[in-house]
Amino acid sequence: MKINVEGIKLYAYHGCLEQEAREGGHYIVDVMIDTDFSEAAKTDDLSKTIDYCEVYSIVEAEMAIRSKLIEQVAQRIIDKLKMQFKTLKSAEVKLTKLKPPINGNVDKVSVVVYC
C-alpha cells in the first residue's frame, strides 16, 4: 500500500552559488510512502494512517533549512519521515530543482533518495 504526496511546490535557497543563496529558486518535492493503511481504510480513522499534512510539514521545514546540495535536503526529509512515522515500511523522496544555474538549456535536475 502506498501513499503519495506529489507536486509539493516550494521556494527555497539551496545551491552552491552565492546567487542561489541570495535569490533562491523553485523546487518540487514528491514523496512516496509504503505503509499499511488497511485499518484506516476499514475504520475511516486518520490516526491509523500517515497524515498528508504532516508529510507536507516535514518537507516544508526541511526545505527551509539552506543546504548547498539538494542531495542533503532530500536525505534529511527521508530521515525525518522515518523518525515521525513508525508504520513507514519504505519511502522515496524526489527533490527537483527547476531552472538550475547550468551553462546550457536544462529545465530541471532532480535527486531521488529512498529507504
PDB file of N, CA and C in Angstrom:
ATOM      1  N   MET A   1       0.845  -1.170   0.000  1.00  0.00           N
ATOM      2  CA  MET A   1       0.000   0.000   0.000  1.00  0.00           C
ATOM      3  C   MET A   1       0.892   1.236   0.000  1.00  0.00           C
ATOM      4  N   LYS A   2       0.515   2.192  -0.792  1.00  0.00           N
ATOM      5  CA  LYS A   2       1.324   3.401  -0.913  1.00  0.00           C
ATOM      6  C   LYS A   2       0.496   4.658  -0.700  1.00  0.00           C
ATOM      7  N   ILE A   3       1.137   5.631  -0.115  1.00  0.00           N
ATOM      8  CA  ILE A   3       0.605   6.984  -0.013  1.00  0.00           C
ATOM      9  C   ILE A   3       1.596   7.882  -0.734  1.00  0.00           C
ATOM     10  N   ASN A   4       1.121   8.641  -1.713  1.00  0.00           N
ATOM     11  CA  ASN A   4       1.970   9.550  -2.465  1.00  0.00           C
ATOM     12  C   ASN A   4       1.508  10.985  -2.229  1.00  0.00           C
ATOM     13  N   VAL A   5       2.434  11.826  -1.868  1.00  0.00           N
ATOM     14  CA  VAL A   5       2.179  13.262  -1.762  1.00  0.00           C
ATOM     15  C   VAL A   5       3.075  13.892  -2.821  1.00  0.00           C
ATOM     16  N   GLU A   6       2.470  14.292  -3.923  1.00  0.00           N
ATOM     17  CA  GLU A   6       3.244  14.690  -5.091  1.00  0.00           C
ATOM     18  C   GLU A   6       3.026  16.156  -5.459  1.00  0.00           C
ATOM     19  N   GLY A   7       4.063  16.733  -6.035  1.00  0.00           N
ATOM     20  CA  GLY A   7       3.955  18.096  -6.532  1.00  0.00           C
ATOM     21  C   GLY A   7       3.969  19.163  -5.452  1.00  0.00           C
ATOM     22  N   ILE A   8       4.709  18.924  -4.370  1.00  0.00           N
ATOM     23  CA  ILE A   8       4.847  19.936  -3.326  1.00  0.00           C
ATOM     24  C   ILE A   8       5.743  21.040  -3.889  1.00  0.00           C
ATOM     25  N   LYS A   9       5.174  22.204  -4.114  1.00  0.00           N
ATOM     26  CA  LYS A   9       5.903  23.314  -4.729  1.00  0.00           C
ATOM     27  C   LYS A   9       6.351  24.291  -3.651  1.00  0.00           C
ATOM     28  N   LEU A  10       7.662  24.523  -3.603  1.00  0.00           N
ATOM     29  CA  LEU A  10       8.229  25.407  -2.590  1.00  0.00           C
ATOM     30  C   LEU A  10       9.306  26.300  -3.200  1.00  0.00           C
ATOM     31  N   TYR A  11       9.544  27.418  -2.566  1.00  0.00           N
ATOM     32  CA  TYR A  11      10.634  28.317  -2.933  1.00  0.00           C
ATOM     33  C   TYR A  11      11.679  28.191  -1.841  1.00  0.00           C
ATOM     34  N   ALA A  12      12.930  27.955  -2.229  1.00  0.00           N
ATOM     35  CA  ALA A  12      13.974  27.744  -1.227  1.00  0.00           C
ATOM     36  C   ALA A  12      15.306  28.292  -1.740  1.00  0.00           C
ATOM     37  N   TYR A  13      16.324  28.211  -0.887  1.00  0.00           N
ATOM     38  CA  TYR A  13      17.612  28.859  -1.156  1.00  0.00           C
ATOM     39  C   TYR A  13      18.770  27.872  -1.144  1.00  0.00           C
ATOM     40  N   HIS A  14      18.629  26.777  -1.861  1.00  0.00           N
ATOM     41  CA  HIS A  14      19.666  25.756  -1.914  1.00  0.00           C
ATOM     42  C   HIS A  14      20.565  25.977  -3.117  1.00  0.00           C
ATOM     43  N   GLY A  15      21.815  25.570  -2.985  1.00  0.00           N
ATOM     44  CA  GLY A  15      22.739  25.652  -4.102  1.00  0.00           C
ATOM     45  C   GLY A  15      24.120  26.085  -3.657  1.00  0.00           C
ATOM     46  N   CYS A  16      25.095  25.795  -4.490  1.00  0.00           N
ATOM     47  CA  CYS A  16      26.492  26.120  -4.189  1.00  0.00           C
ATOM     48  C   CYS A  16      26.849  27.559  -4.542  1.00  0.00           C
ATOM     49  N   LEU A  17      26.069  28.170  -5.407  1.00  0.00           N
ATOM     50  CA  LEU A  17      26.379  29.531  -5.846  1.00  0.00           C
ATOM     51  C   LEU A  17      25.813  30.571  -4.892  1.00  0.00           C
ATOM     52  N   GLU A  18      26.538  31.682  -4.740  1.00  0.00           N
ATOM     53  CA  GLU A  18      26.092  32.768  -3.882  1.00  0.00           C
ATOM     54  C   GLU A  18      24.744  33.327  -4.358  1.00  0.00           C
ATOM     55  N   GLN A  19      24.565  33.369  -5.656  1.00  0.00           N
ATOM     56  CA  GLN A  19      23.312  33.862  -6.242  1.00  0.00           C
ATOM     57  C   GLN A  19      22.124  33.019  -5.782  1.00  0.00           C
ATOM     58  N   GLU A  20      22.309  31.692  -5.703  1.00  0.00           N
ATOM     59  CA  GLU A  20      21.226  30.803  -5.254  1.00  0.00           C
ATOM     60  C   GLU A  20      20.879  31.066  -3.792  1.00  0.00           C
ATOM     61  N   ALA A  21      21.895  31.343  -2.972  1.00  0.00           N
ATOM     62  CA  ALA A  21      21.659  31.638  -1.560  1.00  0.00           C
ATOM     63  C   ALA A  21      20.923  32.956  -1.396  1.00  0.00           C
ATOM     64  N   ARG A  22      21.203  33.899  -2.271  1.00  0.00           N
ATOM     65  CA  ARG A  22      20.616  35.231  -2.185  1.00  0.00           C
ATOM     66  C   ARG A  22      19.216  35.301  -2.805  1.00  0.00           C
ATOM     67  N   GLU A  23      19.069  34.711  -3.997  1.00  0.00           N
ATOM     68  CA  GLU A  23      17.831  34.846  -4.758  1.00  0.00           C
ATOM     69  C   GLU A  23      16.883  33.660  -4.633  1.00  0.00           C
ATOM     70  N   GLY A  24      17.404  32.482  -4.362  1.00  0.00           N
ATOM     71  CA  GLY A  24      16.576  31.295  -4.234  1.00  0.00           C
ATOM     72  C   GLY A  24      16.050  30.787  -5.561  1.00  0.00           C
ATOM     73  N   GLY A  25      15.196  29.784  -5.476  1.00  0.00           N
ATOM     74  CA  GLY A  25      14.638  29.186  -6.678  1.00  0.00           C
ATOM     75  C   GLY A  25      13.439  28.307  -6.359  1.00  0.00           C
ATOM     76  N   HIS A  26      12.832  27.799  -7.418  1.00  0.00           N
ATOM     77  CA  HIS A  26      11.636  26.965  -7.301  1.00  0.00           C
ATOM     78  C   HIS A  26      12.018  25.479  -7.260  1.00  0.00           C
ATOM     79  N   TYR A  27      11.293  24.746  -6.420  1.00  0.00           N
ATOM     80  CA  TYR A  27      11.526  23.317  -6.227  1.00  0.00           C
ATOM     81  C   TYR A  27      10.200  22.571  -6.197  1.00  0.00           C
ATOM     82  N   ILE A  28      10.268  21.306  -6.565  1.00  0.00           N
ATOM     83  CA  ILE A  28       9.115  20.409  -6.446  1.00  0.00           C
ATOM     84  C   ILE A  28       9.584  19.161  -5.707  1.00  0.00           C
ATOM     85  N   VAL A  29       8.807  18.740  -4.721  1.00  0.00           N
ATOM     86  CA  VAL A  29       9.135  17.539  -3.949  1.00  0.00           C
ATOM     87  C   VAL A  29       7.988  16.543  -4.081  1.00  0.00           C
ATOM     88  N   ASP A  30       8.346  15.300  -4.372  1.00  0.00           N
ATOM     89  CA  ASP A  30       7.393  14.194  -4.425  1.00  0.00           C
ATOM     90  C   ASP A  30       7.790  13.176  -3.363  1.00  0.00           C
ATOM     91  N   VAL A  31       6.822  12.742  -2.566  1.00  0.00           N
ATOM     92  CA  VAL A  31       7.071  11.775  -1.500  1.00  0.00           C
ATOM     93  C   VAL A  31       6.179  10.562  -1.728  1.00  0.00           C
ATOM     94  N   MET A  32       6.799   9.380  -1.781  1.00  0.00           N
ATOM     95  CA  MET A  32       6.076   8.128  -1.924  1.00  0.00           C
ATOM     96  C   MET A  32       6.381   7.264  -0.695  1.00  0.00           C
ATOM     97  N   ILE A  33       5.334   6.844   0.001  1.00  0.00           N
ATOM     98  CA  ILE A  33       5.488   6.097   1.245  1.00  0.00           C
ATOM     99  C   ILE A  33       4.770   4.765   1.132  1.00  0.00           C
ATOM    100  N   ASP A  34       5.464   3.714   1.514  1.00  0.00           N
ATOM    101  CA  ASP A  34       4.865   2.384   1.590  1.00  0.00           C
ATOM    102  C   ASP A  34       4.516   2.132   3.056  1.00  0.00           C
ATOM    103  N   THR A  35       3.228   1.913   3.315  1.00  0.00           N
ATOM    104  CA  THR A  35       2.746   1.692   4.675  1.00  0.00           C
ATOM    105  C   THR A  35       1.472   0.853   4.612  1.00  0.00           C
ATOM    106  N   ASP A  36       1.102   0.286   5.710  1.00  0.00           N
ATOM    107  CA  ASP A  36      -0.136  -0.486   5.767  1.00  0.00           C
ATOM    108  C   ASP A  36      -1.236   0.406   6.329  1.00  0.00           C
ATOM    109  N   PHE A  37      -2.130   0.863   5.463  1.00  0.00           N
ATOM    110  CA  PHE A  37      -3.238   1.693   5.926  1.00  0.00           C
ATOM    111  C   PHE A  37      -4.567   0.943   5.852  1.00  0.00           C
ATOM    112  N   SER A  38      -4.516  -0.389   5.884  1.00  0.00           N
ATOM    113  CA  SER A  38      -5.745  -1.183   5.787  1.00  0.00           C
ATOM    114  C   SER A  38      -6.693  -0.907   6.958  1.00  0.00           C
ATOM    115  N   GLU A  39      -6.165  -0.703   8.152  1.00  0.00           N
ATOM    116  CA  GLU A  39      -7.009  -0.406   9.318  1.00  0.00           C
ATOM    117  C   GLU A  39      -7.711   0.944   9.140  1.00  0.00           C
ATOM    118  N   ALA A  40      -6.992   1.927   8.603  1.00  0.00           N
ATOM    119  CA  ALA A  40      -7.599   3.241   8.343  1.00  0.00           C
ATOM    120  C   ALA A  40      -8.693   3.129   7.287  1.00  0.00           C
ATOM    121  N   ALA A  41      -8.441   2.296   6.295  1.00  0.00           N
ATOM    122  CA  ALA A  41      -9.440   2.114   5.235  1.00  0.00           C
ATOM    123  C   ALA A  41     -10.717   1.474   5.782  1.00  0.00           C
ATOM    124  N   LYS A  42     -10.569   0.592   6.775  1.00  0.00           N
ATOM    125  CA  LYS A  42     -11.736  -0.067   7.375  1.00  0.00           C
ATOM    126  C   LYS A  42     -12.488   0.850   8.330  1.00  0.00           C
ATOM    127  N   THR A  43     -11.726   1.622   9.107  1.00  0.00           N
ATOM    128  CA  THR A  43     -12.328   2.375  10.204  1.00  0.00           C
ATOM    129  C   THR A  43     -12.533   3.863   9.913  1.00  0.00           C
ATOM    130  N   ASP A  44     -11.947   4.365   8.830  1.00  0.00           N
ATOM    131  CA  ASP A  44     -12.023   5.788   8.494  1.00  0.00           C
ATOM    132  C   ASP A  44     -11.387   6.636   9.595  1.00  0.00           C
ATOM    133  N   ASP A  45     -10.290   6.114  10.186  1.00  0.00           N
ATOM    134  CA  ASP A  45      -9.611   6.742  11.316  1.00  0.00           C
ATOM    135  C   ASP A  45      -8.252   7.268  10.867  1.00  0.00           C
ATOM    136  N   LEU A  46      -8.085   8.589  10.873  1.00  0.00           N
ATOM    137  CA  LEU A  46      -6.851   9.221  10.431  1.00  0.00           C
ATOM    138  C   LEU A  46      -5.635   8.761  11.228  1.00  0.00           C
ATOM    139  N   SER A  47      -5.825   8.439  12.492  1.00  0.00           N
ATOM    140  CA  SER A  47      -4.692   8.032  13.333  1.00  0.00           C
ATOM    141  C   SER A  47      -4.122   6.676  12.926  1.00  0.00           C
ATOM    142  N   LYS A  48      -4.810   5.965  12.058  1.00  0.00           N
ATOM    143  CA  LYS A  48      -4.357   4.633  11.612  1.00  0.00           C
ATOM    144  C   LYS A  48      -3.613   4.697  10.274  1.00  0.00           C
ATOM    145  N   THR A  49      -3.290   5.905   9.826  1.00  0.00           N
ATOM    146  CA  THR A  49      -2.575   6.066   8.564  1.00  0.00           C
ATOM    147  C   THR A  49      -1.561   7.197   8.714  1.00  0.00           C
ATOM    148  N   ILE A  50      -0.924   7.560   7.639  1.00  0.00           N
ATOM    149  CA  ILE A  50       0.041   8.653   7.631  1.00  0.00           C
ATOM    150  C   ILE A  50      -0.669   9.907   7.131  1.00  0.00           C
ATOM    151  N   ASP A  51      -0.644  10.933   7.948  1.00  0.00           N
ATOM    152  CA  ASP A  51      -1.337  12.186   7.664  1.00  0.00           C
ATOM    153  C   ASP A  51      -0.568  12.979   6.605  1.00  0.00           C
ATOM    154  N   TYR A  52      -1.218  13.289   5.488  1.00  0.00           N
ATOM    155  CA  TYR A  52      -0.582  14.032   4.390  1.00  0.00           C
ATOM    156  C   TYR A  52      -0.085  15.397   4.858  1.00  0.00           C
ATOM    157  N   CYS A  53      -0.835  16.011   5.771  1.00  0.00           N
ATOM    158  CA  CYS A  53      -0.445  17.331   6.266  1.00  0.00           C
ATOM    159  C   CYS A  53       0.876  17.273   7.032  1.00  0.00           C
ATOM    160  N   GLU A  54       1.085  16.195   7.774  1.00  0.00           N
ATOM    161  CA  GLU A  54       2.354  16.020   8.486  1.00  0.00           C
ATOM    162  C   GLU A  54       3.500  15.811   7.503  1.00  0.00           C
ATOM    163  N   VAL A  55       3.247  15.059   6.435  1.00  0.00           N
ATOM    164  CA  VAL A  55       4.258  14.862   5.397  1.00  0.00           C
ATOM    165  C   VAL A  55       4.646  16.217   4.814  1.00  0.00           C
ATOM    166  N   TYR A  56       3.648  17.015   4.461  1.00  0.00           N
ATOM    167  CA  TYR A  56       3.907  18.339   3.904  1.00  0.00           C
ATOM    168  C   TYR A  56       4.713  19.188   4.880  1.00  0.00           C
ATOM    169  N   SER A  57       4.353  19.169   6.140  1.00  0.00           N
ATOM    170  CA  SER A  57       5.046  19.982   7.147  1.00  0.00           C
ATOM    171  C   SER A  57       6.513  19.598   7.269  1.00  0.00           C
ATOM    172  N   ILE A  58       6.802  18.308   7.209  1.00  0.00           N
ATOM    173  CA  ILE A  58       8.189  17.839   7.268  1.00  0.00           C
ATOM    174  C   ILE A  58       8.956  18.359   6.062  1.00  0.00           C
ATOM    175  N   VAL A  59       8.382  18.212   4.887  1.00  0.00           N
ATOM    176  CA  VAL A  59       9.041  18.675   3.659  1.00  0.00           C
ATOM    177  C   VAL A  59       9.274  20.181   3.735  1.00  0.00           C
ATOM    178  N   GLU A  60       8.259  20.922   4.122  1.00  0.00           N
ATOM    179  CA  GLU A  60       8.363  22.377   4.202  1.00  0.00           C
ATOM    180  C   GLU A  60       9.462  22.800   5.182  1.00  0.00           C
ATOM    181  N   ALA A  61       9.517  22.169   6.346  1.00  0.00           N
ATOM    182  CA  ALA A  61      10.512  22.518   7.366  1.00  0.00           C
ATOM    183  C   ALA A  61      11.929  22.225   6.881  1.00  0.00           C
ATOM    184  N   GLU A  62      12.137  21.081   6.268  1.00  0.00           N
ATOM    185  CA  GLU A  62      13.484  20.722   5.803  1.00  0.00           C
ATOM    186  C   GLU A  62      13.915  21.564   4.607  1.00  0.00           C
ATOM    187  N   MET A  63      12.971  21.919   3.757  1.00  0.00           N
ATOM    188  CA  MET A  63      13.303  22.768   2.608  1.00  0.00           C
ATOM    189  C   MET A  63      13.676  24.183   3.057  1.00  0.00           C
ATOM    190  N   ALA A  64      13.227  24.598   4.225  1.00  0.00           N
ATOM    191  CA  ALA A  64      13.533  25.927   4.741  1.00  0.00           C
ATOM    192  C   ALA A  64      14.953  26.027   5.292  1.00  0.00           C
ATOM    193  N   ILE A  65      15.602  24.890   5.510  1.00  0.00           N
ATOM    194  CA  ILE A  65      16.984  24.874   6.019  1.00  0.00           C
ATOM    195  C   ILE A  65      17.919  24.857   4.810  1.00  0.00           C
ATOM    196  N   ARG A  66      18.684  25.915   4.635  1.00  0.00           N
ATOM    197  CA  ARG A  66      19.555  26.035   3.471  1.00  0.00           C
ATOM    198  C   ARG A  66      20.642  24.963   3.458  1.00  0.00           C
ATOM    199  N   SER A  67      20.854  24.401   2.268  1.00  0.00           N
ATOM    200  CA  SER A  67      21.949  23.467   2.016  1.00  0.00           C
ATOM    201  C   SER A  67      22.551  23.788   0.662  1.00  0.00           C
ATOM    202  N   LYS A  68      23.798  23.469   0.495  1.00  0.00           N
ATOM    203  CA  LYS A  68      24.429  23.626  -0.813  1.00  0.00           C
ATOM    204  C   LYS A  68      23.912  22.573  -1.782  1.00  0.00           C
ATOM    205  N   LEU A  69      23.661  21.370  -1.266  1.00  0.00           N
ATOM    206  CA  LEU A  69      23.282  20.246  -2.123  1.00  0.00           C
ATOM    207  C   LEU A  69      21.851  19.792  -1.854  1.00  0.00           C
ATOM    208  N   ILE A  70      21.098  19.604  -2.938  1.00  0.00           N
ATOM    209  CA  ILE A  70      19.742  19.082  -2.766  1.00  0.00           C
ATOM    210  C   ILE A  70      19.788  17.626  -2.309  1.00  0.00           C
ATOM    211  N   GLU A  71      20.899  16.960  -2.521  1.00  0.00           N
ATOM    212  CA  GLU A  71      21.068  15.591  -2.028  1.00  0.00           C
ATOM    213  C   GLU A  71      20.925  15.554  -0.509  1.00  0.00           C
ATOM    214  N   GLN A  72      21.513  16.552   0.165  1.00  0.00           N
ATOM    215  CA  GLN A  72      21.424  16.607   1.625  1.00  0.00           C
ATOM    216  C   GLN A  72      19.992  16.891   2.076  1.00  0.00           C
ATOM    217  N   VAL A  73      19.329  17.784   1.385  1.00  0.00           N
ATOM    218  CA  VAL A  73      17.951  18.128   1.754  1.00  0.00           C
ATOM    219  C   VAL A  73      17.046  16.905   1.621  1.00  0.00           C
ATOM    220  N   ALA A  74      17.150  16.204   0.503  1.00  0.00           N
ATOM    221  CA  ALA A  74      16.327  15.012   0.281  1.00  0.00           C
ATOM    222  C   ALA A  74      16.587  13.961   1.355  1.00  0.00           C
ATOM    223  N   GLN A  75      17.851  13.793   1.736  1.00  0.00           N
ATOM    224  CA  GLN A  75      18.185  12.811   2.777  1.00  0.00           C
ATOM    225  C   GLN A  75      17.597  13.225   4.119  1.00  0.00           C
ATOM    226  N   ARG A  76      17.648  14.508   4.429  1.00  0.00           N
ATOM    227  CA  ARG A  76      17.050  14.992   5.687  1.00  0.00           C
ATOM    228  C   ARG A  76      15.553  14.741   5.711  1.00  0.00           C
ATOM    229  N   ILE A  77      14.891  14.959   4.581  1.00  0.00           N
ATOM    230  CA  ILE A  77      13.446  14.728   4.516  1.00  0.00           C
ATOM    231  C   ILE A  77      13.131  13.272   4.797  1.00  0.00           C
ATOM    232  N   ILE A  78      13.840  12.365   4.144  1.00  0.00           N
ATOM    233  CA  ILE A  78      13.541  10.938   4.336  1.00  0.00           C
ATOM    234  C   ILE A  78      13.881  10.491   5.756  1.00  0.00           C
ATOM    235  N   ASP A  79      14.941  11.039   6.331  1.00  0.00           N
ATOM    236  CA  ASP A  79      15.290  10.708   7.716  1.00  0.00           C
ATOM    237  C   ASP A  79      14.185  11.148   8.675  1.00  0.00           C
ATOM    238  N   LYS A  80      13.635  12.341   8.468  1.00  0.00           N
ATOM    239  CA  LYS A  80      12.546  12.835   9.330  1.00  0.00           C
ATOM    240  C   LYS A  80      11.282  12.001   9.156  1.00  0.00           C
ATOM    241  N   LEU A  81      10.989  11.611   7.918  1.00  0.00           N
ATOM    242  CA  LEU A  81       9.819  10.762   7.684  1.00  0.00           C
ATOM    243  C   LEU A  81       9.952   9.450   8.449  1.00  0.00           C
ATOM    244  N   LYS A  82      11.140   8.850   8.413  1.00  0.00           N
ATOM    245  CA  LYS A  82      11.368   7.589   9.140  1.00  0.00           C
ATOM    246  C   LYS A  82      11.192   7.775  10.642  1.00  0.00           C
ATOM    247  N   MET A  83      11.672   8.903  11.156  1.00  0.00           N
ATOM    248  CA  MET A  83      11.548   9.174  12.596  1.00  0.00           C
ATOM    249  C   MET A  83      10.100   9.434  12.992  1.00  0.00           C
ATOM    250  N   GLN A  84       9.360  10.145  12.170  1.00  0.00           N
ATOM    251  CA  GLN A  84       7.998  10.565  12.502  1.00  0.00           C
ATOM    252  C   GLN A  84       6.974   9.445  12.390  1.00  0.00           C
ATOM    253  N   PHE A  85       7.129   8.594  11.385  1.00  0.00           N
ATOM    254  CA  PHE A  85       6.094   7.603  11.087  1.00  0.00           C
ATOM    255  C   PHE A  85       6.614   6.188  11.323  1.00  0.00           C
ATOM    256  N   LYS A  86       6.211   5.607  12.419  1.00  0.00           N
ATOM    257  CA  LYS A  86       6.682   4.266  12.783  1.00  0.00           C
ATOM    258  C   LYS A  86       6.113   3.183  11.873  1.00  0.00           C
ATOM    259  N   THR A  87       5.005   3.452  11.194  1.00  0.00           N
ATOM    260  CA  THR A  87       4.396   2.452  10.309  1.00  0.00           C
ATOM    261  C   THR A  87       4.965   2.503   8.889  1.00  0.00           C
ATOM    262  N   LEU A  88       5.898   3.418   8.650  1.00  0.00           N
ATOM    263  CA  LEU A  88       6.525   3.537   7.335  1.00  0.00           C
ATOM    264  C   LEU A  88       7.386   2.303   7.067  1.00  0.00           C
ATOM    265  N   LYS A  89       7.090   1.596   5.992  1.00  0.00           N
ATOM    266  CA  LYS A  89       7.871   0.413   5.614  1.00  0.00           C
ATOM    267  C   LYS A  89       9.037   0.802   4.727  1.00  0.00           C
ATOM    268  N   SER A  90       8.782   1.673   3.763  1.00  0.00           N
ATOM    269  CA  SER A  90       9.818   2.223   2.898  1.00  0.00           C
ATOM    270  C   SER A  90       9.304   3.550   2.357  1.00  0.00           C
ATOM    271  N   ALA A  91      10.222   4.337   1.826  1.00  0.00           N
ATOM    272  CA  ALA A  91       9.831   5.642   1.295  1.00  0.00           C
ATOM    273  C   ALA A  91      10.796   6.060   0.207  1.00  0.00           C
ATOM    274  N   GLU A  92      10.313   6.969  -0.617  1.00  0.00           N
ATOM    275  CA  GLU A  92      11.131   7.557  -1.673  1.00  0.00           C
ATOM    276  C   GLU A  92      10.815   9.051  -1.717  1.00  0.00           C
ATOM    277  N   VAL A  93      11.862   9.846  -1.815  1.00  0.00           N
ATOM    278  CA  VAL A  93      11.712  11.298  -1.937  1.00  0.00           C
ATOM    279  C   VAL A  93      12.431  11.728  -3.207  1.00  0.00           C
ATOM    280  N   LYS A  94      11.693  12.417  -4.067  1.00  0.00           N
ATOM    281  CA  LYS A  94      12.275  13.001  -5.274  1.00  0.00           C
ATOM    282  C   LYS A  94      12.231  14.511  -5.106  1.00  0.00           C
ATOM    283  N   LEU A  95      13.409  15.143  -5.144  1.00  0.00           N
ATOM    284  CA  LEU A  95      13.516  16.585  -4.998  1.00  0.00           C
ATOM    285  C   LEU A  95      14.006  17.147  -6.324  1.00  0.00           C
ATOM    286  N   THR A  96      13.223  18.038  -6.916  1.00  0.00           N
ATOM    287  CA  THR A  96      13.522  18.596  -8.229  1.00  0.00           C
ATOM    288  C   THR A  96      13.775  20.092  -8.112  1.00  0.00           C
ATOM    289  N   LYS A  97      14.888  20.522  -8.693  1.00  0.00           N
ATOM    290  CA  LYS A  97      15.248  21.938  -8.754  1.00  0.00           C
ATOM    291  C   LYS A  97      14.923  22.426 -10.159  1.00  0.00           C
ATOM    292  N   LEU A  98      14.042  23.417 -10.253  1.00  0.00           N
ATOM    293  CA  LEU A  98      13.642  23.960 -11.546  1.00  0.00           C
ATOM    294  C   LEU A  98      14.627  25.042 -11.989  1.00  0.00           C
ATOM    295  N   LYS A  99      14.911  25.060 -13.270  1.00  0.00           N
ATOM    296  CA  LYS A  99      15.803  26.052 -13.877  1.00  0.00           C
ATOM    297  C   LYS A  99      17.126  26.184 -13.125  1.00  0.00           C
ATOM    298  N   PRO A 100      17.888  25.102 -13.027  1.00  0.00           N
ATOM    299  CA  PRO A 100      19.167  25.157 -12.319  1.00  0.00           C
ATOM    300  C   PRO A 100      20.165  26.044 -13.073  1.00  0.00           C
ATOM    301  N   PRO A 101      21.078  26.673 -12.346  1.00  0.00           N
ATOM    302  CA  PRO A 101      22.063  27.536 -12.992  1.00  0.00           C
ATOM    303  C   PRO A 101      23.178  26.720 -13.664  1.00  0.00           C
ATOM    304  N   ILE A 102      22.842  26.163 -14.801  1.00  0.00           N
ATOM    305  CA  ILE A 102      23.778  25.345 -15.582  1.00  0.00           C
ATOM    306  C   ILE A 102      24.018  26.066 -16.896  1.00  0.00           C
ATOM    307  N   ASN A 103      25.228  26.050 -17.361  1.00  0.00           N
ATOM    308  CA  ASN A 103      25.529  26.663 -18.652  1.00  0.00           C
ATOM    309  C   ASN A 103      25.013  25.766 -19.766  1.00  0.00           C
ATOM    310  N   GLY A 104      23.727  25.835 -19.995  1.00  0.00           N
ATOM    311  CA  GLY A 104      23.078  25.020 -21.016  1.00  0.00           C
ATOM    312  C   GLY A 104      21.575  25.116 -20.852  1.00  0.00           C
ATOM    313  N   ASN A 105      20.861  24.498 -21.756  1.00  0.00           N
ATOM    314  CA  ASN A 105      19.404  24.540 -21.761  1.00  0.00           C
ATOM    315  C   ASN A 105      18.870  23.348 -20.959  1.00  0.00           C
ATOM    316  N   VAL A 106      18.699  23.546 -19.655  1.00  0.00           N
ATOM    317  CA  VAL A 106      18.249  22.480 -18.755  1.00  0.00           C
ATOM    318  C   VAL A 106      17.030  22.981 -17.975  1.00  0.00           C
ATOM    319  N   ASP A 107      15.930  22.264 -18.075  1.00  0.00           N
ATOM    320  CA  ASP A 107      14.706  22.652 -17.377  1.00  0.00           C
ATOM    321  C   ASP A 107      14.776  22.371 -15.884  1.00  0.00           C
ATOM    322  N   LYS A 108      15.351  21.210 -15.518  1.00  0.00           N
ATOM    323  CA  LYS A 108      15.332  20.815 -14.118  1.00  0.00           C
ATOM    324  C   LYS A 108      16.370  19.724 -13.864  1.00  0.00           C
ATOM    325  N   VAL A 109      16.748  19.604 -12.614  1.00  0.00           N
ATOM    326  CA  VAL A 109      17.580  18.499 -12.141  1.00  0.00           C
ATOM    327  C   VAL A 109      16.875  17.914 -10.922  1.00  0.00           C
ATOM    328  N   SER A 110      17.083  16.633 -10.672  1.00  0.00           N
ATOM    329  CA  SER A 110      16.442  16.046  -9.501  1.00  0.00           C
ATOM    330  C   SER A 110      17.305  14.953  -8.910  1.00  0.00           C
ATOM    331  N   VAL A 111      17.067  14.699  -7.637  1.00  0.00           N
ATOM    332  CA  VAL A 111      17.683  13.574  -6.942  1.00  0.00           C
ATOM    333  C   VAL A 111      16.573  12.736  -6.336  1.00  0.00           C
ATOM    334  N   VAL A 112      16.836  11.468  -6.196  1.00  0.00           N
ATOM    335  CA  VAL A 112      15.886  10.550  -5.575  1.00  0.00           C
ATOM    336  C   VAL A 112      16.622   9.783  -4.481  1.00  0.00           C
ATOM    337  N   VAL A 113      16.057   9.821  -3.272  1.00  0.00           N
ATOM    338  CA  VAL A 113      16.591   9.021  -2.176  1.00  0.00           C
ATOM    339  C   VAL A 113      15.479   8.098  -1.695  1.00  0.00           C
ATOM    340  N   TYR A 114      15.867   6.966  -1.175  1.00  0.00           N
ATOM    341  CA  TYR A 114      14.860   6.013  -0.708  1.00  0.00           C
ATOM    342  C   TYR A 114      15.416   5.207   0.453  1.00  0.00           C
ATOM    343  N   CYS A 115      14.507   4.654   1.208  1.00  0.00           N
ATOM    344  CA  CYS A 115      14.869   3.781   2.329  1.00  0.00           C
ATOM    345  C   CYS A 115      13.907   2.617   2.376  1.00  0.00           C
TER     346      CYS A 115
END
